[in-house]
C-alpha atoms as a PDB file:
ATOM      1  CA  MET A   1     119.128  74.958 150.420  1.00  0.00           C
ATOM      2  CA  PRO A   2     118.117  75.861 146.684  1.00  0.00           C
ATOM      3  CA  ARG A   3     117.829  72.984 144.388  1.00  0.00           C
ATOM      4  CA  TYR A   4     120.388  74.083 141.821  1.00  0.00           C
ATOM      5  CA  ILE A   5     123.675  75.606 143.538  1.00  0.00           C
ATOM      6  CA  GLY A   6     126.371  72.987 142.711  1.00  0.00           C
ATOM      7  CA  ASP A   7     124.966  72.594 139.331  1.00  0.00           C
ATOM      8  CA  LYS A   8     126.852  72.747 136.252  1.00  0.00           C
ATOM      9  CA  VAL A   9     125.782  76.188 134.276  1.00  0.00           C
ATOM     10  CA  PHE A  10     126.597  76.434 130.566  1.00  0.00           C
ATOM     11  CA  ASN A  11     126.022  78.998 127.554  1.00  0.00           C
ATOM     12  CA  ASN A  12     123.887  77.243 125.019  1.00  0.00           C
ATOM     13  CA  ASP A  13     125.017  79.192 121.931  1.00  0.00           C
ATOM     14  CA  LEU A  14     123.985  75.852 120.036  1.00  0.00           C
ATOM     15  CA  GLU A  15     122.739  76.770 116.028  1.00  0.00           C
ATOM     16  CA  PHE A  16     120.089  74.846 116.435  1.00  0.00           C
ATOM     17  CA  TYR A  17     118.182  77.324 118.672  1.00  0.00           C
ATOM     18  CA  GLU A  18     119.476  80.094 116.658  1.00  0.00           C
ATOM     19  CA  PHE A  19     115.838  80.421 115.368  1.00  0.00           C
ATOM     20  CA  LEU A  20     114.212  80.531 118.849  1.00  0.00           C
ATOM     21  CA  ARG A  21     116.708  83.509 119.962  1.00  0.00           C
ATOM     22  CA  GLU A  22     116.281  85.585 116.833  1.00  0.00           C
ATOM     23  CA  LYS A  23     112.410  85.150 117.566  1.00  0.00           C
ATOM     24  CA  ARG A  24     112.740  86.382 121.093  1.00  0.00           C
ATOM     25  CA  HIS A  25     114.924  88.907 120.672  1.00  0.00           C
ATOM     26  CA  ALA A  26     117.287  87.241 122.905  1.00  0.00           C
ATOM     27  CA  PRO A  27     121.247  87.048 123.233  1.00  0.00           C
ATOM     28  CA  ARG A  28     123.591  84.804 120.969  1.00  0.00           C
ATOM     29  CA  SER A  29     124.212  83.003 123.829  1.00  0.00           C
ATOM     30  CA  ILE A  30     121.835  82.122 126.787  1.00  0.00           C
ATOM     31  CA  THR A  31     123.091  81.186 129.830  1.00  0.00           C
ATOM     32  CA  GLN A  32     121.215  77.918 131.317  1.00  0.00           C
ATOM     33  CA  TYR A  33     121.773  75.341 134.181  1.00  0.00           C
ATOM     34  CA  ALA A  34     122.106  71.700 133.014  1.00  0.00           C
ATOM     35  CA  THR A  35     119.349  69.679 133.477  1.00  0.00           C
ATOM     36  CA  PRO A  36     119.947  67.486 136.562  1.00  0.00           C
ATOM     37  CA  ARG A  37     120.175  63.446 136.277  1.00  0.00           C
ATOM     38  CA  LEU A  38     118.228  62.222 138.950  1.00  0.00           C
ATOM     39  CA  ILE A  39     118.170  58.219 139.518  1.00  0.00           C
ATOM     40  CA  ASN A  40     115.207  56.128 141.241  1.00  0.00           C
ATOM     41  CA  PRO A  41     115.715  55.544 144.418  1.00  0.00           C
ATOM     42  CA  SER A  42     116.545  51.697 145.056  1.00  0.00           C
ATOM     43  CA  VAL A  43     114.489  49.272 147.027  1.00  0.00           C
ATOM     44  CA  PHE A  44     116.988  49.387 149.509  1.00  0.00           C
ATOM     45  CA  ASP A  45     116.802  53.183 150.056  1.00  0.00           C
ATOM     46  CA  ARG A  46     113.419  53.472 149.774  1.00  0.00           C
ATOM     47  CA  ALA A  47     113.426  50.962 153.009  1.00  0.00           C
ATOM     48  CA  SER A  48     116.152  52.770 154.868  1.00  0.00           C
ATOM     49  CA  ILE A  49     114.113  56.096 154.375  1.00  0.00           C
ATOM     50  CA  ALA A  50     111.766  56.985 156.702  1.00  0.00           C
ATOM     51  CA  THR A  51     108.306  58.105 155.144  1.00  0.00           C
ATOM     52  CA  ILE A  52     104.454  59.183 156.338  1.00  0.00           C
ATOM     53  CA  PRO A  53     101.489  58.503 154.434  1.00  0.00           C
ATOM     54  CA  HIS A  54      99.648  60.990 153.108  1.00  0.00           C
ATOM     55  CA  ILE A  55      95.880  60.383 152.059  1.00  0.00           C
ATOM     56  CA  TRP A  56      95.447  63.181 148.697  1.00  0.00           C
ATOM     57  CA  LYS A  57      92.461  65.363 149.267  1.00  0.00           C
ATOM     58  CA  TYR A  58      91.421  68.122 147.069  1.00  0.00           C
ATOM     59  CA  GLY A  59      93.286  71.289 147.158  1.00  0.00           C
ATOM     60  CA  ASP A  60      96.531  69.649 148.030  1.00  0.00           C
ATOM     61  CA  ARG A  61      99.760  70.539 146.459  1.00  0.00           C
ATOM     62  CA  TYR A  62     103.162  69.427 146.781  1.00  0.00           C
ATOM     63  CA  TYR A  63     104.432  72.924 147.615  1.00  0.00           C
ATOM     64  CA  ASN A  64     102.408  72.798 150.307  1.00  0.00           C
ATOM     65  CA  LEU A  65     103.258  69.703 151.573  1.00  0.00           C
ATOM     66  CA  ALA A  66     107.034  70.292 150.792  1.00  0.00           C
ATOM     67  CA  ARG A  67     106.836  73.660 152.906  1.00  0.00           C
ATOM     68  CA  GLN A  68     104.989  71.644 155.577  1.00  0.00           C
ATOM     69  CA  HIS A  69     107.309  68.576 155.887  1.00  0.00           C
ATOM     70  CA  TYR A  70     110.530  70.816 154.323  1.00  0.00           C
ATOM     71  CA  GLY A  71     109.879  74.093 155.578  1.00  0.00           C
ATOM     72  CA  ASN A  72     110.854  75.049 152.124  1.00  0.00           C
ATOM     73  CA  PRO A  73     108.155  74.526 148.862  1.00  0.00           C
ATOM     74  CA  THR A  74     110.546  75.160 146.247  1.00  0.00           C
ATOM     75  CA  TYR A  75     111.244  70.959 147.235  1.00  0.00           C
ATOM     76  CA  TRP A  76     108.163  69.915 145.976  1.00  0.00           C
ATOM     77  CA  TRP A  77     109.764  67.848 143.227  1.00  0.00           C
ATOM     78  CA  VAL A  78     111.179  65.350 145.879  1.00  0.00           C
ATOM     79  CA  ILE A  79     107.395  64.549 146.558  1.00  0.00           C
ATOM     80  CA  ALA A  80     106.545  64.357 143.360  1.00  0.00           C
ATOM     81  CA  TRP A  81     109.888  62.516 142.242  1.00  0.00           C
ATOM     82  CA  TRP A  82     109.273  59.790 145.130  1.00  0.00           C
ATOM     83  CA  ASN A  83     105.437  58.661 144.326  1.00  0.00           C
ATOM     84  CA  ALA A  84     106.329  58.815 140.325  1.00  0.00           C
ATOM     85  CA  ARG A  85     103.645  61.521 139.996  1.00  0.00           C
ATOM     86  CA  PRO A  86     105.081  64.587 138.309  1.00  0.00           C
ATOM     87  CA  THR A  87     102.173  66.551 138.967  1.00  0.00           C
ATOM     88  CA  GLU A  88      99.425  67.199 141.102  1.00  0.00           C
ATOM     89  CA  ALA A  89      97.546  66.111 137.981  1.00  0.00           C
ATOM     90  CA  ASN A  90      98.346  62.570 138.400  1.00  0.00           C
ATOM     91  CA  VAL A  91      97.052  62.600 141.585  1.00  0.00           C
ATOM     92  CA  SER A  92      93.252  61.664 143.209  1.00  0.00           C
ATOM     93  CA  PRO A  93      91.643  62.592 145.937  1.00  0.00           C
ATOM     94  CA  GLY A  94      91.797  59.337 148.173  1.00  0.00           C
ATOM     95  CA  ASN A  95      95.155  58.265 146.406  1.00  0.00           C
ATOM     96  CA  ILE A  96      98.071  57.851 149.260  1.00  0.00           C
ATOM     97  CA  ILE A  97     101.411  59.017 148.792  1.00  0.00           C
ATOM     98  CA  MET A  98     104.391  58.895 150.756  1.00  0.00           C
ATOM     99  CA  ILE A  99     106.249  61.709 151.891  1.00  0.00           C
ATOM    100  CA  PRO A 100     109.925  61.128 152.562  1.00  0.00           C
ATOM    101  CA  LEU A 101     111.167  62.600 156.006  1.00  0.00           C
ATOM    102  CA  ASP A 102     115.217  62.909 156.074  1.00  0.00           C
ATOM    103  CA  LEU A 103     115.310  65.501 153.358  1.00  0.00           C
ATOM    104  CA  GLU A 104     119.296  65.110 152.722  1.00  0.00           C
ATOM    105  CA  GLN A 105     119.047  61.187 152.646  1.00  0.00           C
ATOM    106  CA  VAL A 106     116.412  61.506 150.011  1.00  0.00           C
ATOM    107  CA  LEU A 107     118.483  63.767 147.731  1.00  0.00           C
ATOM    108  CA  GLU A 108     120.949  61.735 147.937  1.00  0.00           C
ATOM    109  CA  ALA A 109     119.268  58.510 147.186  1.00  0.00           C
ATOM    110  CA  LEU A 110     117.777  60.493 144.011  1.00  0.00           C
ATOM    111  CA  GLY A 111     121.338  61.681 143.071  1.00  0.00           C
ATOM    112  CA  ALA A 112     120.807  65.293 143.603  1.00  0.00           C
ATOM    113  CA  ASN A 113     123.348  65.968 146.851  1.00  0.00           C
END
């Protein structure tokens, strides 16, 4: 299940971005996905969703963990959002991150479903 299925699509023809479109020789209107509004999981959500700890080591990547646990590397952002660490640069070797196991349940808790 790709991340953007069901997301709103809109044509961005705002005058504010005209200079950028001209600079990039882009058409007058660019089709874009709307920015998803994710929410932080509640304390109840965090307590009710099973997680496993992962001790971060040198060379770890979110996309590899997502592939290992969800079978799809495009869900790397779920692990990042759940742990409030947006990039691998925000995690140091030895840090413990939690990996939520039920992808459907965690997507619902994040408001992405």
